[in-house]
């Protein structure tokens, strides 16, 4: 496709806003429903919603922007696949806007349920115990779902025991490795030389399933981010919506940055690089032999 026929940056910006909005609305919506109403039965139901959300967003806007819907993937494409550097920041800005808009709508729709959960747990929004509802927006390690489950009041002692089950280094490793796998798979499934890629138009299905299985394994540890916009957009909204320091910086001063932004960015870059240098040359070599 010639450069003149490529969609304009404003159209790609809008596409990334809508695509990320769909991802966060459905994905975080499933989290809201699970935490606040017990609507989901088991982790897989939440995980598959995230996977389907990625698939739908990819089919909806992929033809315009490529459906990055993830700053880590945008940066990985810029590093390894020649994505224009001038479009990196606009894409990331669009992804954050889409994520915040989705968080805002979910806040409006689930407002009564958020208040009811906080009343049930005897917590005040903005105080440490309000992590039971803040987890619907930003992410924490290990997953604080157990603090929000049931109808017993929030317990600071139980909160301390929960915190002792995770560490920033282990959370960083989980997010790094999870996004590395995701980046590797995305690069493999979108490589036109890869003779093992799915049939035309089916890559979003398998990328969505990859995210779903990663969530099934890693969500108990970190809530499974793999996407800086997914965490930071809703987290920033929650900060202004009343959760304050419980949302940002969260459970400590730097984990929101290291675990949920730096680790996914490094993971996607490493996963993309692993594919580009470890697997893709094999296709070039085989093509050279057959020709």
C-alpha atoms as a PDB file:
ATOM      1  CA  UNK A   1       0.000   0.000   0.000  1.00  0.00           C
ATOM      2  CA  UNK A   2       1.418   3.380  -0.920  1.00  0.00           C
ATOM      3  CA  UNK A   3       2.002   6.006   1.711  1.00  0.00           C
ATOM      4  CA  UNK A   4      -0.550   8.286   0.006  1.00  0.00           C
ATOM      5  CA  UNK A   5      -3.287   5.696   0.504  1.00  0.00           C
ATOM      6  CA  UNK A   6      -2.491   5.086   4.164  1.00  0.00           C
ATOM      7  CA  UNK A   7      -5.093   6.424   6.615  1.00  0.00           C
ATOM      8  CA  UNK A   8      -4.249   9.856   7.947  1.00  0.00           C
ATOM      9  CA  UNK A   9      -2.862  10.266  11.455  1.00  0.00           C
ATOM     10  CA  UNK A  10      -6.100  11.870  12.749  1.00  0.00           C
ATOM     11  CA  UNK A  11      -8.092   8.873  11.517  1.00  0.00           C
ATOM     12  CA  UNK A  12      -5.596   6.470  13.054  1.00  0.00           C
ATOM     13  CA  UNK A  13      -5.751   8.441  16.304  1.00  0.00           C
ATOM     14  CA  UNK A  14      -9.533   8.084  16.411  1.00  0.00           C
ATOM     15  CA  UNK A  15      -9.253   4.385  15.570  1.00  0.00           C
ATOM     16  CA  UNK A  16      -6.841   3.792  18.453  1.00  0.00           C
ATOM     17  CA  UNK A  17      -9.135   5.708  20.817  1.00  0.00           C
ATOM     18  CA  UNK A  18     -12.116   3.555  19.816  1.00  0.00           C
ATOM     19  CA  UNK A  19     -10.140   0.324  19.769  1.00  0.00           C
ATOM     20  CA  UNK A  20      -8.660   0.873  23.229  1.00  0.00           C
ATOM     21  CA  UNK A  21     -12.038   2.029  24.507  1.00  0.00           C
ATOM     22  CA  UNK A  22     -13.592  -1.274  23.405  1.00  0.00           C
ATOM     23  CA  UNK A  23     -10.771  -3.258  24.989  1.00  0.00           C
ATOM     24  CA  UNK A  24     -11.009  -1.513  28.355  1.00  0.00           C
ATOM     25  CA  UNK A  25     -14.785  -1.248  28.437  1.00  0.00           C
ATOM     26  CA  UNK A  26     -15.279  -4.972  27.909  1.00  0.00           C
ATOM     27  CA  UNK A  27     -12.213  -6.131  29.847  1.00  0.00           C
ATOM     28  CA  UNK A  28     -12.468  -3.858  32.867  1.00  0.00           C
ATOM     29  CA  UNK A  29     -16.242  -4.200  32.618  1.00  0.00           C
ATOM     30  CA  UNK A  30     -15.847  -7.918  33.260  1.00  0.00           C
ATOM     31  CA  UNK A  31     -13.637  -7.070  36.252  1.00  0.00           C
ATOM     32  CA  UNK A  32     -16.282  -4.667  37.580  1.00  0.00           C
ATOM     33  CA  UNK A  33     -18.979  -7.310  37.179  1.00  0.00           C
ATOM     34  CA  UNK A  34     -16.862  -9.974  38.892  1.00  0.00           C
ATOM     35  CA  UNK A  35     -15.666  -7.848  41.822  1.00  0.00           C
ATOM     36  CA  UNK A  36     -18.867  -5.931  42.478  1.00  0.00           C
ATOM     37  CA  UNK A  37     -21.633  -8.399  41.654  1.00  0.00           C
ATOM     38  CA  UNK A  38     -20.021 -11.844  41.504  1.00  0.00           C
ATOM     39  CA  UNK A  39     -21.283 -12.122  37.928  1.00  0.00           C
ATOM     40  CA  UNK A  40     -18.322 -14.144  36.675  1.00  0.00           C
ATOM     41  CA  UNK A  41     -17.696 -17.701  37.804  1.00  0.00           C
ATOM     42  CA  UNK A  42     -13.966 -18.277  37.899  1.00  0.00           C
ATOM     43  CA  UNK A  43     -10.973 -16.534  36.367  1.00  0.00           C
ATOM     44  CA  UNK A  44     -11.427 -18.022  32.898  1.00  0.00           C
ATOM     45  CA  UNK A  45     -14.690 -16.131  32.363  1.00  0.00           C
ATOM     46  CA  UNK A  46     -12.914 -12.829  32.948  1.00  0.00           C
ATOM     47  CA  UNK A  47      -9.916 -13.938  30.899  1.00  0.00           C
ATOM     48  CA  UNK A  48     -11.953 -14.916  27.854  1.00  0.00           C
ATOM     49  CA  UNK A  49     -13.796 -11.596  27.914  1.00  0.00           C
ATOM     50  CA  UNK A  50     -10.424  -9.843  27.660  1.00  0.00           C
ATOM     51  CA  UNK A  51      -9.498 -12.140  24.784  1.00  0.00           C
ATOM     52  CA  UNK A  52     -12.741 -11.486  22.918  1.00  0.00           C
ATOM     53  CA  UNK A  53     -12.374  -7.759  23.574  1.00  0.00           C
ATOM     54  CA  UNK A  54      -8.976  -7.775  21.856  1.00  0.00           C
ATOM     55  CA  UNK A  55     -10.417  -9.715  18.937  1.00  0.00           C
ATOM     56  CA  UNK A  56     -13.353  -7.332  18.492  1.00  0.00           C
ATOM     57  CA  UNK A  57     -11.186  -4.214  18.801  1.00  0.00           C
ATOM     58  CA  UNK A  58      -8.734  -5.628  16.262  1.00  0.00           C
ATOM     59  CA  UNK A  59     -11.441  -6.395  13.720  1.00  0.00           C
ATOM     60  CA  UNK A  60     -13.154  -3.048  14.315  1.00  0.00           C
ATOM     61  CA  UNK A  61     -10.178  -0.703  13.856  1.00  0.00           C
ATOM     62  CA  UNK A  62      -7.288  -2.864  12.658  1.00  0.00           C
ATOM     63  CA  UNK A  63      -7.822  -1.847   9.054  1.00  0.00           C
ATOM     64  CA  UNK A  64      -7.210   1.792   9.958  1.00  0.00           C
ATOM     65  CA  UNK A  65      -4.557   1.837  12.682  1.00  0.00           C
ATOM     66  CA  UNK A  66      -3.402  -1.762  12.922  1.00  0.00           C
ATOM     67  CA  UNK A  67      -5.168  -1.979  16.306  1.00  0.00           C
ATOM     68  CA  UNK A  68      -2.080  -1.600  18.459  1.00  0.00           C
ATOM     69  CA  UNK A  69      -4.337  -0.667  21.446  1.00  0.00           C
ATOM     70  CA  UNK A  70      -1.251  -1.081  23.638  1.00  0.00           C
ATOM     71  CA  UNK A  71       1.684   1.347  24.056  1.00  0.00           C
ATOM     72  CA  UNK A  72       4.082  -1.562  24.574  1.00  0.00           C
ATOM     73  CA  UNK A  73       3.155  -3.016  21.190  1.00  0.00           C
ATOM     74  CA  UNK A  74       3.336   0.397  19.508  1.00  0.00           C
ATOM     75  CA  UNK A  75       6.893   0.820  20.781  1.00  0.00           C
ATOM     76  CA  UNK A  76       7.821  -2.734  19.788  1.00  0.00           C
ATOM     77  CA  UNK A  77       6.521  -2.137  16.260  1.00  0.00           C
ATOM     78  CA  UNK A  78       8.509   1.090  16.101  1.00  0.00           C
ATOM     79  CA  UNK A  79      11.684  -0.717  17.192  1.00  0.00           C
ATOM     80  CA  UNK A  80      11.415  -3.825  15.001  1.00  0.00           C
ATOM     81  CA  UNK A  81       8.808  -3.337  12.290  1.00  0.00           C
ATOM     82  CA  UNK A  82       9.437   0.193  11.023  1.00  0.00           C
ATOM     83  CA  UNK A  83       6.361   1.811  12.522  1.00  0.00           C
ATOM     84  CA  UNK A  84       6.864   5.583  12.024  1.00  0.00           C
ATOM     85  CA  UNK A  85       8.510   7.132  15.077  1.00  0.00           C
ATOM     86  CA  UNK A  86       6.475  10.308  14.525  1.00  0.00           C
ATOM     87  CA  UNK A  87       3.274   8.360  15.228  1.00  0.00           C
ATOM     88  CA  UNK A  88       4.368   6.667  18.442  1.00  0.00           C
ATOM     89  CA  UNK A  89       3.385   9.437  20.851  1.00  0.00           C
ATOM     90  CA  UNK A  90       0.049  10.182  19.119  1.00  0.00           C
ATOM     91  CA  UNK A  91      -0.831   6.474  19.232  1.00  0.00           C
ATOM     92  CA  UNK A  92       0.053   6.223  22.919  1.00  0.00           C
ATOM     93  CA  UNK A  93      -1.947   9.358  23.672  1.00  0.00           C
ATOM     94  CA  UNK A  94      -4.934   7.912  21.818  1.00  0.00           C
ATOM     95  CA  UNK A  95      -4.672   4.647  23.744  1.00  0.00           C
ATOM     96  CA  UNK A  96      -4.630   6.490  27.070  1.00  0.00           C
ATOM     97  CA  UNK A  97      -7.618   8.612  26.047  1.00  0.00           C
ATOM     98  CA  UNK A  98      -9.588   5.515  25.051  1.00  0.00           C
ATOM     99  CA  UNK A  99      -8.721   3.759  28.309  1.00  0.00           C
ATOM    100  CA  UNK A 100      -9.742   6.740  30.445  1.00  0.00           C
ATOM    101  CA  UNK A 101     -13.024   7.199  28.564  1.00  0.00           C
ATOM    102  CA  UNK A 102     -13.890   3.546  29.128  1.00  0.00           C
ATOM    103  CA  UNK A 103     -13.027   3.828  32.829  1.00  0.00           C
ATOM    104  CA  UNK A 104     -15.214   6.916  33.101  1.00  0.00           C
ATOM    105  CA  UNK A 105     -18.216   5.184  31.531  1.00  0.00           C
ATOM    106  CA  UNK A 106     -17.779   2.123  33.753  1.00  0.00           C
ATOM    107  CA  UNK A 107     -17.591   4.404  36.796  1.00  0.00           C
ATOM    108  CA  UNK A 108     -20.934   5.953  35.840  1.00  0.00           C
ATOM    109  CA  UNK A 109     -22.629   2.646  35.038  1.00  0.00           C
ATOM    110  CA  UNK A 110     -21.359   0.799  38.127  1.00  0.00           C
ATOM    111  CA  UNK A 111     -21.516   3.761  40.520  1.00  0.00           C
ATOM    112  CA  UNK A 112     -24.212   2.250  42.780  1.00  0.00           C
ATOM    113  CA  UNK A 113     -22.426  -1.117  42.890  1.00  0.00           C
ATOM    114  CA  UNK A 114     -19.107   0.553  43.772  1.00  0.00           C
ATOM    115  CA  UNK A 115     -20.772   2.404  46.657  1.00  0.00           C
ATOM    116  CA  UNK A 116     -22.560  -0.752  47.809  1.00  0.00           C
ATOM    117  CA  UNK A 117     -19.327  -2.778  47.858  1.00  0.00           C
ATOM    118  CA  UNK A 118     -17.561  -0.085  49.889  1.00  0.00           C
ATOM    119  CA  UNK A 119     -20.489   0.026  52.315  1.00  0.00           C
ATOM    120  CA  UNK A 120     -20.479  -3.759  52.596  1.00  0.00           C
ATOM    121  CA  UNK A 121     -16.745  -3.781  53.315  1.00  0.00           C
ATOM    122  CA  UNK A 122     -16.981  -0.760  55.677  1.00  0.00           C
ATOM    123  CA  UNK A 123     -14.335   1.196  53.772  1.00  0.00           C
ATOM    124  CA  UNK A 124     -14.081   4.818  52.693  1.00  0.00           C
ATOM    125  CA  UNK A 125     -12.996   5.620  49.186  1.00  0.00           C
ATOM    126  CA  UNK A 126      -9.458   7.001  49.222  1.00  0.00           C
ATOM    127  CA  UNK A 127      -8.424   5.094  52.358  1.00  0.00           C
ATOM    128  CA  UNK A 128      -6.322   1.890  52.195  1.00  0.00           C
ATOM    129  CA  UNK A 129      -9.327  -0.413  52.428  1.00  0.00           C
ATOM    130  CA  UNK A 130     -10.797   1.024  49.244  1.00  0.00           C
ATOM    131  CA  UNK A 131      -8.378  -1.139  47.291  1.00  0.00           C
ATOM    132  CA  UNK A 132     -11.358  -3.527  47.192  1.00  0.00           C
ATOM    133  CA  UNK A 133     -12.942  -1.246  44.575  1.00  0.00           C
ATOM    134  CA  UNK A 134      -9.810   0.431  43.192  1.00  0.00           C
ATOM    135  CA  UNK A 135      -8.866  -2.968  41.789  1.00  0.00           C
ATOM    136  CA  UNK A 136     -11.617  -2.464  39.205  1.00  0.00           C
ATOM    137  CA  UNK A 137      -9.407   0.221  37.641  1.00  0.00           C
ATOM    138  CA  UNK A 138      -5.685   0.047  38.425  1.00  0.00           C
ATOM    139  CA  UNK A 139      -3.861  -3.201  39.037  1.00  0.00           C
ATOM    140  CA  UNK A 140      -2.163  -4.580  42.140  1.00  0.00           C
ATOM    141  CA  UNK A 141       0.044  -7.490  43.094  1.00  0.00           C
ATOM    142  CA  UNK A 142      -0.777 -10.048  44.180  1.00  0.00           C
ATOM    143  CA  UNK A 143      -4.345  -9.888  42.886  1.00  0.00           C
ATOM    144  CA  UNK A 144      -6.476  -8.403  45.710  1.00  0.00           C
ATOM    145  CA  UNK A 145      -9.636 -10.182  44.606  1.00  0.00           C
ATOM    146  CA  UNK A 146      -9.717 -12.084  47.883  1.00  0.00           C
ATOM    147  CA  UNK A 147     -10.025  -8.820  49.812  1.00  0.00           C
ATOM    148  CA  UNK A 148     -13.091  -7.867  47.788  1.00  0.00           C
ATOM    149  CA  UNK A 149     -14.741 -11.298  47.864  1.00  0.00           C
ATOM    150  CA  UNK A 150     -17.407 -12.241  50.353  1.00  0.00           C
ATOM    151  CA  UNK A 151     -19.485  -9.976  52.558  1.00  0.00           C
ATOM    152  CA  UNK A 152     -17.223  -9.750  55.605  1.00  0.00           C
ATOM    153  CA  UNK A 153     -15.777  -6.291  56.421  1.00  0.00           C
ATOM    154  CA  UNK A 154     -12.364  -5.262  55.133  1.00  0.00           C
ATOM    155  CA  UNK A 155      -9.559  -6.406  57.416  1.00  0.00           C
ATOM    156  CA  UNK A 156      -6.260  -4.531  57.667  1.00  0.00           C
ATOM    157  CA  UNK A 157      -4.677  -7.718  59.037  1.00  0.00           C
ATOM    158  CA  UNK A 158      -5.850  -9.713  56.044  1.00  0.00           C
ATOM    159  CA  UNK A 159      -4.593  -6.903  53.815  1.00  0.00           C
ATOM    160  CA  UNK A 160      -1.121  -7.193  55.361  1.00  0.00           C
ATOM    161  CA  UNK A 161      -1.126 -10.972  54.889  1.00  0.00           C
ATOM    162  CA  UNK A 162      -2.109 -10.473  51.249  1.00  0.00           C
ATOM    163  CA  UNK A 163       0.709  -7.985  50.683  1.00  0.00           C
ATOM    164  CA  UNK A 164       3.232 -10.481  52.047  1.00  0.00           C
ATOM    165  CA  UNK A 165       2.373 -12.936  49.263  1.00  0.00           C
ATOM    166  CA  UNK A 166       3.905 -10.790  46.523  1.00  0.00           C
ATOM    167  CA  UNK A 167       7.004  -8.734  45.851  1.00  0.00           C
ATOM    168  CA  UNK A 168       7.830  -6.039  43.281  1.00  0.00           C
ATOM    169  CA  UNK A 169      10.586  -8.189  41.759  1.00  0.00           C
ATOM    170  CA  UNK A 170       8.324 -11.203  41.213  1.00  0.00           C
ATOM    171  CA  UNK A 171       5.542  -8.982  39.872  1.00  0.00           C
ATOM    172  CA  UNK A 172       8.004  -7.312  37.492  1.00  0.00           C
ATOM    173  CA  UNK A 173       9.170 -10.708  36.254  1.00  0.00           C
ATOM    174  CA  UNK A 174       5.606 -11.929  35.708  1.00  0.00           C
ATOM    175  CA  UNK A 175       4.635  -8.853  33.687  1.00  0.00           C
ATOM    176  CA  UNK A 176       7.897  -8.880  31.739  1.00  0.00           C
ATOM    177  CA  UNK A 177       7.623 -12.552  30.787  1.00  0.00           C
ATOM    178  CA  UNK A 178       3.887 -12.388  30.085  1.00  0.00           C
ATOM    179  CA  UNK A 179       4.282  -9.469  27.700  1.00  0.00           C
ATOM    180  CA  UNK A 180       7.339 -11.101  26.135  1.00  0.00           C
ATOM    181  CA  UNK A 181       5.160 -14.077  25.203  1.00  0.00           C
ATOM    182  CA  UNK A 182       2.440 -11.775  23.909  1.00  0.00           C
ATOM    183  CA  UNK A 183       4.903  -9.746  21.834  1.00  0.00           C
ATOM    184  CA  UNK A 184       6.467 -12.880  20.384  1.00  0.00           C
ATOM    185  CA  UNK A 185       3.076 -14.283  19.377  1.00  0.00           C
ATOM    186  CA  UNK A 186       1.857 -10.990  17.879  1.00  0.00           C
ATOM    187  CA  UNK A 187       5.006 -10.678  15.773  1.00  0.00           C
ATOM    188  CA  UNK A 188       4.710 -14.306  14.655  1.00  0.00           C
ATOM    189  CA  UNK A 189       1.044 -14.097  13.736  1.00  0.00           C
ATOM    190  CA  UNK A 190       1.467 -10.842  11.796  1.00  0.00           C
ATOM    191  CA  UNK A 191       4.553 -11.926   9.838  1.00  0.00           C
ATOM    192  CA  UNK A 192       3.651 -12.396   6.180  1.00  0.00           C
ATOM    193  CA  UNK A 193       6.626 -14.767   5.782  1.00  0.00           C
ATOM    194  CA  UNK A 194       5.418 -17.093   8.507  1.00  0.00           C
ATOM    195  CA  UNK A 195       3.909 -20.072   6.714  1.00  0.00           C
ATOM    196  CA  UNK A 196       2.461 -21.255  10.021  1.00  0.00           C
ATOM    197  CA  UNK A 197       0.378 -18.131  10.622  1.00  0.00           C
ATOM    198  CA  UNK A 198      -3.439 -18.454  10.750  1.00  0.00           C
ATOM    199  CA  UNK A 199      -5.550 -18.018   7.657  1.00  0.00           C
ATOM    200  CA  UNK A 200      -5.994 -14.478   6.432  1.00  0.00           C
ATOM    201  CA  UNK A 201      -7.919 -12.346   8.899  1.00  0.00           C
ATOM    202  CA  UNK A 202      -7.758 -14.826  11.777  1.00  0.00           C
ATOM    203  CA  UNK A 203      -4.720 -13.481  13.662  1.00  0.00           C
ATOM    204  CA  UNK A 204      -6.868 -11.397  16.086  1.00  0.00           C
ATOM    205  CA  UNK A 205      -8.626 -14.553  17.244  1.00  0.00           C
ATOM    206  CA  UNK A 206      -5.376 -16.233  18.253  1.00  0.00           C
ATOM    207  CA  UNK A 207      -3.898 -13.060  19.745  1.00  0.00           C
ATOM    208  CA  UNK A 208      -7.019 -12.744  21.880  1.00  0.00           C
ATOM    209  CA  UNK A 209      -6.735 -16.360  22.972  1.00  0.00           C
ATOM    210  CA  UNK A 210      -3.073 -15.797  23.845  1.00  0.00           C
ATOM    211  CA  UNK A 211      -4.048 -12.966  26.166  1.00  0.00           C
ATOM    212  CA  UNK A 212      -6.810 -15.096  27.689  1.00  0.00           C
ATOM    213  CA  UNK A 213      -4.472 -17.967  28.558  1.00  0.00           C
ATOM    214  CA  UNK A 214      -1.837 -15.554  29.905  1.00  0.00           C
ATOM    215  CA  UNK A 215      -4.452 -13.968  32.151  1.00  0.00           C
ATOM    216  CA  UNK A 216      -5.514 -17.416  33.335  1.00  0.00           C
ATOM    217  CA  UNK A 217      -1.965 -18.094  34.534  1.00  0.00           C
ATOM    218  CA  UNK A 218      -0.702 -14.695  35.695  1.00  0.00           C
ATOM    219  CA  UNK A 219      -3.779 -12.765  36.855  1.00  0.00           C
ATOM    220  CA  UNK A 220      -3.616 -14.244  40.378  1.00  0.00           C
ATOM    221  CA  UNK A 221      -0.134 -12.714  40.664  1.00  0.00           C
ATOM    222  CA  UNK A 222      -0.401  -9.249  39.071  1.00  0.00           C
ATOM    223  CA  UNK A 223      -3.916  -9.031  37.599  1.00  0.00           C
ATOM    224  CA  UNK A 224      -2.138  -9.565  34.246  1.00  0.00           C
ATOM    225  CA  UNK A 225      -1.624  -6.147  32.679  1.00  0.00           C
ATOM    226  CA  UNK A 226       0.681  -6.544  29.626  1.00  0.00           C
ATOM    227  CA  UNK A 227      -0.561  -3.119  28.489  1.00  0.00           C
ATOM    228  CA  UNK A 228       0.493   0.204  30.067  1.00  0.00           C
ATOM    229  CA  UNK A 229      -2.654   1.954  28.795  1.00  0.00           C
ATOM    230  CA  UNK A 230      -4.872  -0.701  30.373  1.00  0.00           C
ATOM    231  CA  UNK A 231      -3.397   0.040  33.804  1.00  0.00           C
ATOM    232  CA  UNK A 232      -2.412   3.696  33.730  1.00  0.00           C
ATOM    233  CA  UNK A 233      -5.507   5.093  31.991  1.00  0.00           C
ATOM    234  CA  UNK A 234      -8.048   3.627  34.457  1.00  0.00           C
ATOM    235  CA  UNK A 235      -5.625   4.163  37.369  1.00  0.00           C
ATOM    236  CA  UNK A 236      -5.302   7.863  36.544  1.00  0.00           C
ATOM    237  CA  UNK A 237      -9.068   8.170  36.233  1.00  0.00           C
ATOM    238  CA  UNK A 238      -9.532   6.472  39.615  1.00  0.00           C
ATOM    239  CA  UNK A 239      -7.051   8.897  41.183  1.00  0.00           C
ATOM    240  CA  UNK A 240      -9.271  11.822  40.198  1.00  0.00           C
ATOM    241  CA  UNK A 241     -12.509   9.917  40.913  1.00  0.00           C
ATOM    242  CA  UNK A 242     -11.841   9.729  44.641  1.00  0.00           C
ATOM    243  CA  UNK A 243      -9.397   6.890  45.247  1.00  0.00           C
ATOM    244  CA  UNK A 244      -6.432   9.274  45.421  1.00  0.00           C
ATOM    245  CA  UNK A 245      -3.208   7.677  46.603  1.00  0.00           C
ATOM    246  CA  UNK A 246      -4.821   4.226  46.708  1.00  0.00           C
ATOM    247  CA  UNK A 247      -4.935   4.435  42.910  1.00  0.00           C
ATOM    248  CA  UNK A 248      -1.783   6.422  42.276  1.00  0.00           C
ATOM    249  CA  UNK A 249       0.887   5.623  43.293  1.00  0.00           C
ATOM    250  CA  UNK A 250      -0.967   2.645  44.720  1.00  0.00           C
ATOM    251  CA  UNK A 251       0.533   0.102  47.086  1.00  0.00           C
ATOM    252  CA  UNK A 252       4.010   1.641  46.963  1.00  0.00           C
ATOM    253  CA  UNK A 253       5.785   4.536  45.292  1.00  0.00           C
ATOM    254  CA  UNK A 254       7.062   2.923  42.115  1.00  0.00           C
ATOM    255  CA  UNK A 255       5.356  -0.370  41.266  1.00  0.00           C
ATOM    256  CA  UNK A 256       2.742   1.317  39.087  1.00  0.00           C
ATOM    257  CA  UNK A 257       5.669   2.473  36.931  1.00  0.00           C
ATOM    258  CA  UNK A 258       8.064  -0.470  37.092  1.00  0.00           C
ATOM    259  CA  UNK A 259       5.603  -3.379  37.096  1.00  0.00           C
ATOM    260  CA  UNK A 260       2.807  -2.044  34.928  1.00  0.00           C
ATOM    261  CA  UNK A 261       4.608   0.285  32.496  1.00  0.00           C
ATOM    262  CA  UNK A 262       8.319  -0.530  32.293  1.00  0.00           C
ATOM    263  CA  UNK A 263       7.963  -4.328  32.456  1.00  0.00           C
ATOM    264  CA  UNK A 264       5.360  -4.566  29.645  1.00  0.00           C
ATOM    265  CA  UNK A 265       7.365  -2.210  27.428  1.00  0.00           C
ATOM    266  CA  UNK A 266      10.549  -4.222  27.923  1.00  0.00           C
ATOM    267  CA  UNK A 267       8.669  -7.487  27.529  1.00  0.00           C
ATOM    268  CA  UNK A 268       7.038  -6.530  24.234  1.00  0.00           C
ATOM    269  CA  UNK A 269      10.345  -5.225  22.860  1.00  0.00           C
ATOM    270  CA  UNK A 270      12.153  -8.416  23.898  1.00  0.00           C
ATOM    271  CA  UNK A 271       9.405 -10.672  22.564  1.00  0.00           C
ATOM    272  CA  UNK A 272       9.361  -8.868  19.229  1.00  0.00           C
ATOM    273  CA  UNK A 273      13.140  -8.940  19.023  1.00  0.00           C
ATOM    274  CA  UNK A 274      13.241 -12.629  19.912  1.00  0.00           C
ATOM    275  CA  UNK A 275      10.960 -13.391  17.002  1.00  0.00           C
ATOM    276  CA  UNK A 276      12.718 -11.047  14.556  1.00  0.00           C
ATOM    277  CA  UNK A 277      16.180 -12.448  15.287  1.00  0.00           C
ATOM    278  CA  UNK A 278      15.406 -15.974  16.414  1.00  0.00           C
ATOM    279  CA  UNK A 279      12.605 -17.153  14.126  1.00  0.00           C
ATOM    280  CA  UNK A 280      12.059 -14.821  11.185  1.00  0.00           C
ATOM    281  CA  UNK A 281      15.495 -15.386   9.582  1.00  0.00           C
ATOM    282  CA  UNK A 282      14.595 -19.069   9.169  1.00  0.00           C
ATOM    283  CA  UNK A 283      11.826 -18.119   6.766  1.00  0.00           C
ATOM    284  CA  UNK A 284      14.192 -15.922   4.758  1.00  0.00           C
ATOM    285  CA  UNK A 285      16.749 -18.726   4.584  1.00  0.00           C
ATOM    286  CA  UNK A 286      14.235 -21.313   3.460  1.00  0.00           C
ATOM    287  CA  UNK A 287      12.898 -18.935   0.819  1.00  0.00           C
ATOM    288  CA  UNK A 288      16.422 -18.478  -0.484  1.00  0.00           C
ATOM    289  CA  UNK A 289      16.970 -22.238  -0.766  1.00  0.00           C
ATOM    290  CA  UNK A 290      13.674 -22.874  -2.541  1.00  0.00           C
ATOM    291  CA  UNK A 291      14.260 -20.110  -5.033  1.00  0.00           C
END
